[in-house]
Amino acid sequence: LASAFDAYHPGGLAPRALPGAESRPLYGALKRLLDELAAMVGLIVTAPLWLLIAVAIKLDSTGPVFFVQERVGRHGRLFRLLKFRTMYGHAPRYAVTVRRSGDPRVTAVGRLLRRTSLDELPQLLNILKGEMSLVGPRPEMPFMMNRNTPEYRTRLMVLPGLTGLWQA
């Protein structure tokens, strides 16, 4: 299975190896266990909220409750990122979205979900599937990977995260 890295950089430079979880198997296993436990607790605690959000999205606009988009994960593997839908159904799926107020593509419920980051809750399922971690670099859209340096692509050596250093 070809990775997103290979698709954009056939025969190109691979990210240079950095010491990390792979060189410390106990650390990797404990981090994964913590991710799974926290995601399960998070799903249980927020389950009633999921129902309220789904109903609000359906009452606010037509279209699916969830937004699904391919993203680049660990080792450049593509996976389907889940979010609650915050835009109208006709909005472009892979357009770069700047979080600015007054974006006409964002629904009224979507504005609230974005402001509170509740649109990210479905990514707990990505964590349980092993596609993401609680903490790590945010997963990129595949087309964004073709303009980055080998140093930048070292981020592909770890699972992308629900939250990370660069998020405010």
C-alpha atoms as a PDB file:
ATOM      1  CA  LEU A   1       0.000   0.000   0.000  1.00  0.00           C
ATOM      2  CA  ALA A   2       1.577   3.262  -1.102  1.00  0.00           C
ATOM      3  CA  SER A   3       1.695   6.055   1.404  1.00  0.00           C
ATOM      4  CA  ALA A   4       0.763   9.663   0.745  1.00  0.00           C
ATOM      5  CA  PHE A   5       4.460  10.512   1.095  1.00  0.00           C
ATOM      6  CA  ASP A   6       5.375   8.095  -1.713  1.00  0.00           C
ATOM      7  CA  ALA A   7       2.566   9.413  -3.911  1.00  0.00           C
ATOM      8  CA  TYR A   8       3.924  12.960  -3.722  1.00  0.00           C
ATOM      9  CA  HIS A   9       7.605  12.085  -3.533  1.00  0.00           C
ATOM     10  CA  PRO A  10       8.284   8.897  -5.514  1.00  0.00           C
ATOM     11  CA  GLY A  11      11.952   8.044  -5.033  1.00  0.00           C
ATOM     12  CA  GLY A  12      12.341  11.208  -2.954  1.00  0.00           C
ATOM     13  CA  LEU A  13      13.884  11.702   0.421  1.00  0.00           C
ATOM     14  CA  ALA A  14      12.111   9.936   3.234  1.00  0.00           C
ATOM     15  CA  PRO A  15      11.814  11.654   6.580  1.00  0.00           C
ATOM     16  CA  ARG A  16      14.982  11.121   8.579  1.00  0.00           C
ATOM     17  CA  ALA A  17      14.648   8.755  11.478  1.00  0.00           C
ATOM     18  CA  LEU A  18      14.344  10.326  14.892  1.00  0.00           C
ATOM     19  CA  PRO A  19      14.520   8.455  18.161  1.00  0.00           C
ATOM     20  CA  GLY A  20      10.992   8.096  19.438  1.00  0.00           C
ATOM     21  CA  ALA A  21       8.335   5.676  20.546  1.00  0.00           C
ATOM     22  CA  GLU A  22       9.527   3.028  18.085  1.00  0.00           C
ATOM     23  CA  SER A  23      12.874   2.863  19.875  1.00  0.00           C
ATOM     24  CA  ARG A  24      11.067   2.671  23.236  1.00  0.00           C
ATOM     25  CA  PRO A  25       8.412  -0.048  22.913  1.00  0.00           C
ATOM     26  CA  LEU A  26       7.204   0.260  26.519  1.00  0.00           C
ATOM     27  CA  TYR A  27       6.630   3.999  26.060  1.00  0.00           C
ATOM     28  CA  GLY A  28       4.693   3.356  22.834  1.00  0.00           C
ATOM     29  CA  ALA A  29       2.537   0.684  24.476  1.00  0.00           C
ATOM     30  CA  LEU A  30       1.754   2.877  27.488  1.00  0.00           C
ATOM     31  CA  LYS A  31       0.940   5.879  25.285  1.00  0.00           C
ATOM     32  CA  ARG A  32      -1.412   3.733  23.198  1.00  0.00           C
ATOM     33  CA  LEU A  33      -3.077   2.348  26.333  1.00  0.00           C
ATOM     34  CA  LEU A  34      -3.577   5.875  27.686  1.00  0.00           C
ATOM     35  CA  ASP A  35      -4.999   6.996  24.331  1.00  0.00           C
ATOM     36  CA  GLU A  36      -7.469   4.110  24.271  1.00  0.00           C
ATOM     37  CA  LEU A  37      -8.579   4.548  27.883  1.00  0.00           C
ATOM     38  CA  ALA A  38      -9.018   8.311  27.548  1.00  0.00           C
ATOM     39  CA  ALA A  39     -10.908   7.940  24.252  1.00  0.00           C
ATOM     40  CA  MET A  40     -13.255   5.327  25.760  1.00  0.00           C
ATOM     41  CA  VAL A  41     -13.934   7.481  28.820  1.00  0.00           C
ATOM     42  CA  GLY A  42     -14.390  10.507  26.580  1.00  0.00           C
ATOM     43  CA  LEU A  43     -16.918   8.651  24.421  1.00  0.00           C
ATOM     44  CA  ILE A  44     -18.896   7.438  27.421  1.00  0.00           C
ATOM     45  CA  VAL A  45     -18.953  10.834  29.128  1.00  0.00           C
ATOM     46  CA  THR A  46     -19.855  12.776  25.966  1.00  0.00           C
ATOM     47  CA  ALA A  47     -22.362  10.274  24.469  1.00  0.00           C
ATOM     48  CA  PRO A  48     -25.428  12.338  25.457  1.00  0.00           C
ATOM     49  CA  LEU A  49     -23.782  15.414  23.956  1.00  0.00           C
ATOM     50  CA  TRP A  50     -23.236  13.561  20.660  1.00  0.00           C
ATOM     51  CA  LEU A  51     -26.975  12.982  20.427  1.00  0.00           C
ATOM     52  CA  LEU A  52     -27.768  16.652  21.085  1.00  0.00           C
ATOM     53  CA  ILE A  53     -25.172  17.775  18.534  1.00  0.00           C
ATOM     54  CA  ALA A  54     -26.500  15.369  15.892  1.00  0.00           C
ATOM     55  CA  VAL A  55     -30.070  16.624  16.368  1.00  0.00           C
ATOM     56  CA  ALA A  56     -28.909  20.269  16.258  1.00  0.00           C
ATOM     57  CA  ILE A  57     -26.961  19.678  13.024  1.00  0.00           C
ATOM     58  CA  LYS A  58     -29.963  17.976  11.397  1.00  0.00           C
ATOM     59  CA  LEU A  59     -32.343  20.769  12.461  1.00  0.00           C
ATOM     60  CA  ASP A  60     -29.933  23.489  11.310  1.00  0.00           C
ATOM     61  CA  SER A  61     -29.228  22.280   7.752  1.00  0.00           C
ATOM     62  CA  THR A  62     -29.600  19.388   5.355  1.00  0.00           C
ATOM     63  CA  GLY A  63     -26.831  16.865   4.924  1.00  0.00           C
ATOM     64  CA  PRO A  64     -24.985  14.278   6.972  1.00  0.00           C
ATOM     65  CA  VAL A  65     -24.164  14.722  10.655  1.00  0.00           C
ATOM     66  CA  PHE A  66     -20.532  13.751  10.147  1.00  0.00           C
ATOM     67  CA  PHE A  67     -17.899  15.275   7.908  1.00  0.00           C
ATOM     68  CA  VAL A  68     -15.426  12.667   6.628  1.00  0.00           C
ATOM     69  CA  GLN A  69     -12.188  13.620   4.933  1.00  0.00           C
ATOM     70  CA  GLU A  70      -8.997  11.776   3.982  1.00  0.00           C
ATOM     71  CA  ARG A  71      -5.971  12.867   5.977  1.00  0.00           C
ATOM     72  CA  VAL A  72      -2.350  11.794   6.141  1.00  0.00           C
ATOM     73  CA  GLY A  73      -1.434   9.764   9.206  1.00  0.00           C
ATOM     74  CA  ARG A  74       1.595   7.947  10.571  1.00  0.00           C
ATOM     75  CA  HIS A  75       4.053   6.756   7.928  1.00  0.00           C
ATOM     76  CA  GLY A  76       2.052   8.675   5.331  1.00  0.00           C
ATOM     77  CA  ARG A  77      -0.912   6.310   5.449  1.00  0.00           C
ATOM     78  CA  LEU A  78      -4.236   7.827   4.506  1.00  0.00           C
ATOM     79  CA  PHE A  79      -7.157   7.548   6.899  1.00  0.00           C
ATOM     80  CA  ARG A  80     -10.676   8.938   7.134  1.00  0.00           C
ATOM     81  CA  LEU A  81     -10.842  11.740   9.711  1.00  0.00           C
ATOM     82  CA  LEU A  82     -14.226  12.207  11.380  1.00  0.00           C
ATOM     83  CA  LYS A  83     -15.742  15.483  12.543  1.00  0.00           C
ATOM     84  CA  PHE A  84     -19.200  16.832  13.167  1.00  0.00           C
ATOM     85  CA  ARG A  85     -20.266  18.748  10.054  1.00  0.00           C
ATOM     86  CA  THR A  86     -19.988  22.507  10.555  1.00  0.00           C
ATOM     87  CA  MET A  87     -20.509  23.689   6.964  1.00  0.00           C
ATOM     88  CA  TYR A  88     -23.368  23.506   4.527  1.00  0.00           C
ATOM     89  CA  GLY A  89     -23.376  20.355   2.397  1.00  0.00           C
ATOM     90  CA  HIS A  90     -22.349  22.173  -0.804  1.00  0.00           C
ATOM     91  CA  ALA A  91     -19.093  23.577   0.669  1.00  0.00           C
ATOM     92  CA  PRO A  92     -15.908  22.287  -1.038  1.00  0.00           C
ATOM     93  CA  ARG A  93     -14.593  19.169   0.722  1.00  0.00           C
ATOM     94  CA  TYR A  94     -10.858  19.867   0.397  1.00  0.00           C
ATOM     95  CA  ALA A  95     -10.669  23.649   0.371  1.00  0.00           C
ATOM     96  CA  VAL A  96      -8.357  25.140   2.958  1.00  0.00           C
ATOM     97  CA  THR A  97     -10.653  26.589   5.586  1.00  0.00           C
ATOM     98  CA  VAL A  98      -9.459  29.557   7.548  1.00  0.00           C
ATOM     99  CA  ARG A  99     -11.248  29.849  10.863  1.00  0.00           C
ATOM    100  CA  ARG A 100     -12.619  33.333  10.547  1.00  0.00           C
ATOM    101  CA  SER A 101     -15.838  34.791  11.796  1.00  0.00           C
ATOM    102  CA  GLY A 102     -18.568  35.416   9.276  1.00  0.00           C
ATOM    103  CA  ASP A 103     -17.608  32.577   6.892  1.00  0.00           C
ATOM    104  CA  PRO A 104     -20.841  32.086   4.893  1.00  0.00           C
ATOM    105  CA  ARG A 105     -20.119  28.366   4.431  1.00  0.00           C
ATOM    106  CA  VAL A 106     -20.401  27.692   8.186  1.00  0.00           C
ATOM    107  CA  THR A 107     -23.829  26.930   9.644  1.00  0.00           C
ATOM    108  CA  ALA A 108     -25.139  28.560  12.833  1.00  0.00           C
ATOM    109  CA  VAL A 109     -24.666  25.323  14.789  1.00  0.00           C
ATOM    110  CA  GLY A 110     -21.299  24.896  13.092  1.00  0.00           C
ATOM    111  CA  ARG A 111     -20.100  28.233  14.468  1.00  0.00           C
ATOM    112  CA  LEU A 112     -20.883  27.101  18.000  1.00  0.00           C
ATOM    113  CA  LEU A 113     -19.253  23.698  17.449  1.00  0.00           C
ATOM    114  CA  ARG A 114     -16.101  25.316  16.084  1.00  0.00           C
ATOM    115  CA  ARG A 115     -15.915  27.923  18.824  1.00  0.00           C
ATOM    116  CA  THR A 116     -16.117  25.188  21.485  1.00  0.00           C
ATOM    117  CA  SER A 117     -14.099  22.616  19.449  1.00  0.00           C
ATOM    118  CA  LEU A 118     -16.946  20.126  19.886  1.00  0.00           C
ATOM    119  CA  ASP A 119     -16.754  19.421  16.149  1.00  0.00           C
ATOM    120  CA  GLU A 120     -13.589  17.425  16.957  1.00  0.00           C
ATOM    121  CA  LEU A 121     -15.307  14.902  19.288  1.00  0.00           C
ATOM    122  CA  PRO A 122     -15.760  12.201  16.594  1.00  0.00           C
ATOM    123  CA  GLN A 123     -11.981  11.968  16.356  1.00  0.00           C
ATOM    124  CA  LEU A 124     -12.176   9.940  19.570  1.00  0.00           C
ATOM    125  CA  LEU A 125     -13.277   7.133  17.216  1.00  0.00           C
ATOM    126  CA  ASN A 126     -10.143   7.708  15.107  1.00  0.00           C
ATOM    127  CA  ILE A 127      -8.120   7.344  18.307  1.00  0.00           C
ATOM    128  CA  LEU A 128      -9.816   4.057  19.195  1.00  0.00           C
ATOM    129  CA  LYS A 129      -9.136   2.761  15.681  1.00  0.00           C
ATOM    130  CA  GLY A 130      -5.425   3.522  16.166  1.00  0.00           C
ATOM    131  CA  GLU A 131      -5.326   6.157  13.413  1.00  0.00           C
ATOM    132  CA  MET A 132      -4.752   9.058  15.800  1.00  0.00           C
ATOM    133  CA  SER A 133      -3.449   9.803  19.268  1.00  0.00           C
ATOM    134  CA  LEU A 134      -4.666  12.271  21.886  1.00  0.00           C
ATOM    135  CA  VAL A 135      -1.529  14.384  21.495  1.00  0.00           C
ATOM    136  CA  GLY A 136       0.476  14.824  18.314  1.00  0.00           C
ATOM    137  CA  PRO A 137       0.754  16.965  15.204  1.00  0.00           C
ATOM    138  CA  ARG A 138      -2.553  17.676  13.489  1.00  0.00           C
ATOM    139  CA  PRO A 139      -3.187  15.444  10.452  1.00  0.00           C
ATOM    140  CA  GLU A 140      -2.703  17.176   7.118  1.00  0.00           C
ATOM    141  CA  MET A 141      -4.799  16.951   3.982  1.00  0.00           C
ATOM    142  CA  PRO A 142      -2.975  14.881   1.321  1.00  0.00           C
ATOM    143  CA  PHE A 143      -2.454  17.764  -1.110  1.00  0.00           C
ATOM    144  CA  MET A 144      -0.659  19.790   1.579  1.00  0.00           C
ATOM    145  CA  MET A 145       2.131  17.210   1.867  1.00  0.00           C
ATOM    146  CA  ASN A 146       3.648  18.056  -1.513  1.00  0.00           C
ATOM    147  CA  ARG A 147       4.972  21.445  -0.440  1.00  0.00           C
ATOM    148  CA  ASN A 148       6.763  20.512   2.738  1.00  0.00           C
ATOM    149  CA  THR A 149      10.418  19.845   3.495  1.00  0.00           C
ATOM    150  CA  PRO A 150      11.873  16.503   4.626  1.00  0.00           C
ATOM    151  CA  GLU A 151      12.256  18.009   8.097  1.00  0.00           C
ATOM    152  CA  TYR A 152       8.566  18.884   8.153  1.00  0.00           C
ATOM    153  CA  ARG A 153       7.679  15.366   7.075  1.00  0.00           C
ATOM    154  CA  THR A 154       9.296  13.910  10.189  1.00  0.00           C
ATOM    155  CA  ARG A 155       5.863  14.473  11.681  1.00  0.00           C
ATOM    156  CA  LEU A 156       4.792  11.419   9.676  1.00  0.00           C
ATOM    157  CA  MET A 157       6.801   9.258  12.056  1.00  0.00           C
ATOM    158  CA  VAL A 158       4.179   9.636  14.802  1.00  0.00           C
ATOM    159  CA  LEU A 159       0.425   9.313  14.991  1.00  0.00           C
ATOM    160  CA  PRO A 160      -1.380  12.583  14.340  1.00  0.00           C
ATOM    161  CA  GLY A 161      -3.139  13.994  17.362  1.00  0.00           C
ATOM    162  CA  LEU A 162      -6.470  15.373  18.421  1.00  0.00           C
ATOM    163  CA  THR A 163      -4.517  18.173  20.076  1.00  0.00           C
ATOM    164  CA  GLY A 164      -0.905  19.286  20.012  1.00  0.00           C
ATOM    165  CA  LEU A 165       1.602  22.020  20.654  1.00  0.00           C
ATOM    166  CA  TRP A 166       0.466  24.320  17.853  1.00  0.00           C
ATOM    167  CA  GLN A 167      -3.182  24.525  18.843  1.00  0.00           C
ATOM    168  CA  ALA A 168      -4.532  27.433  20.809  1.00  0.00           C
END
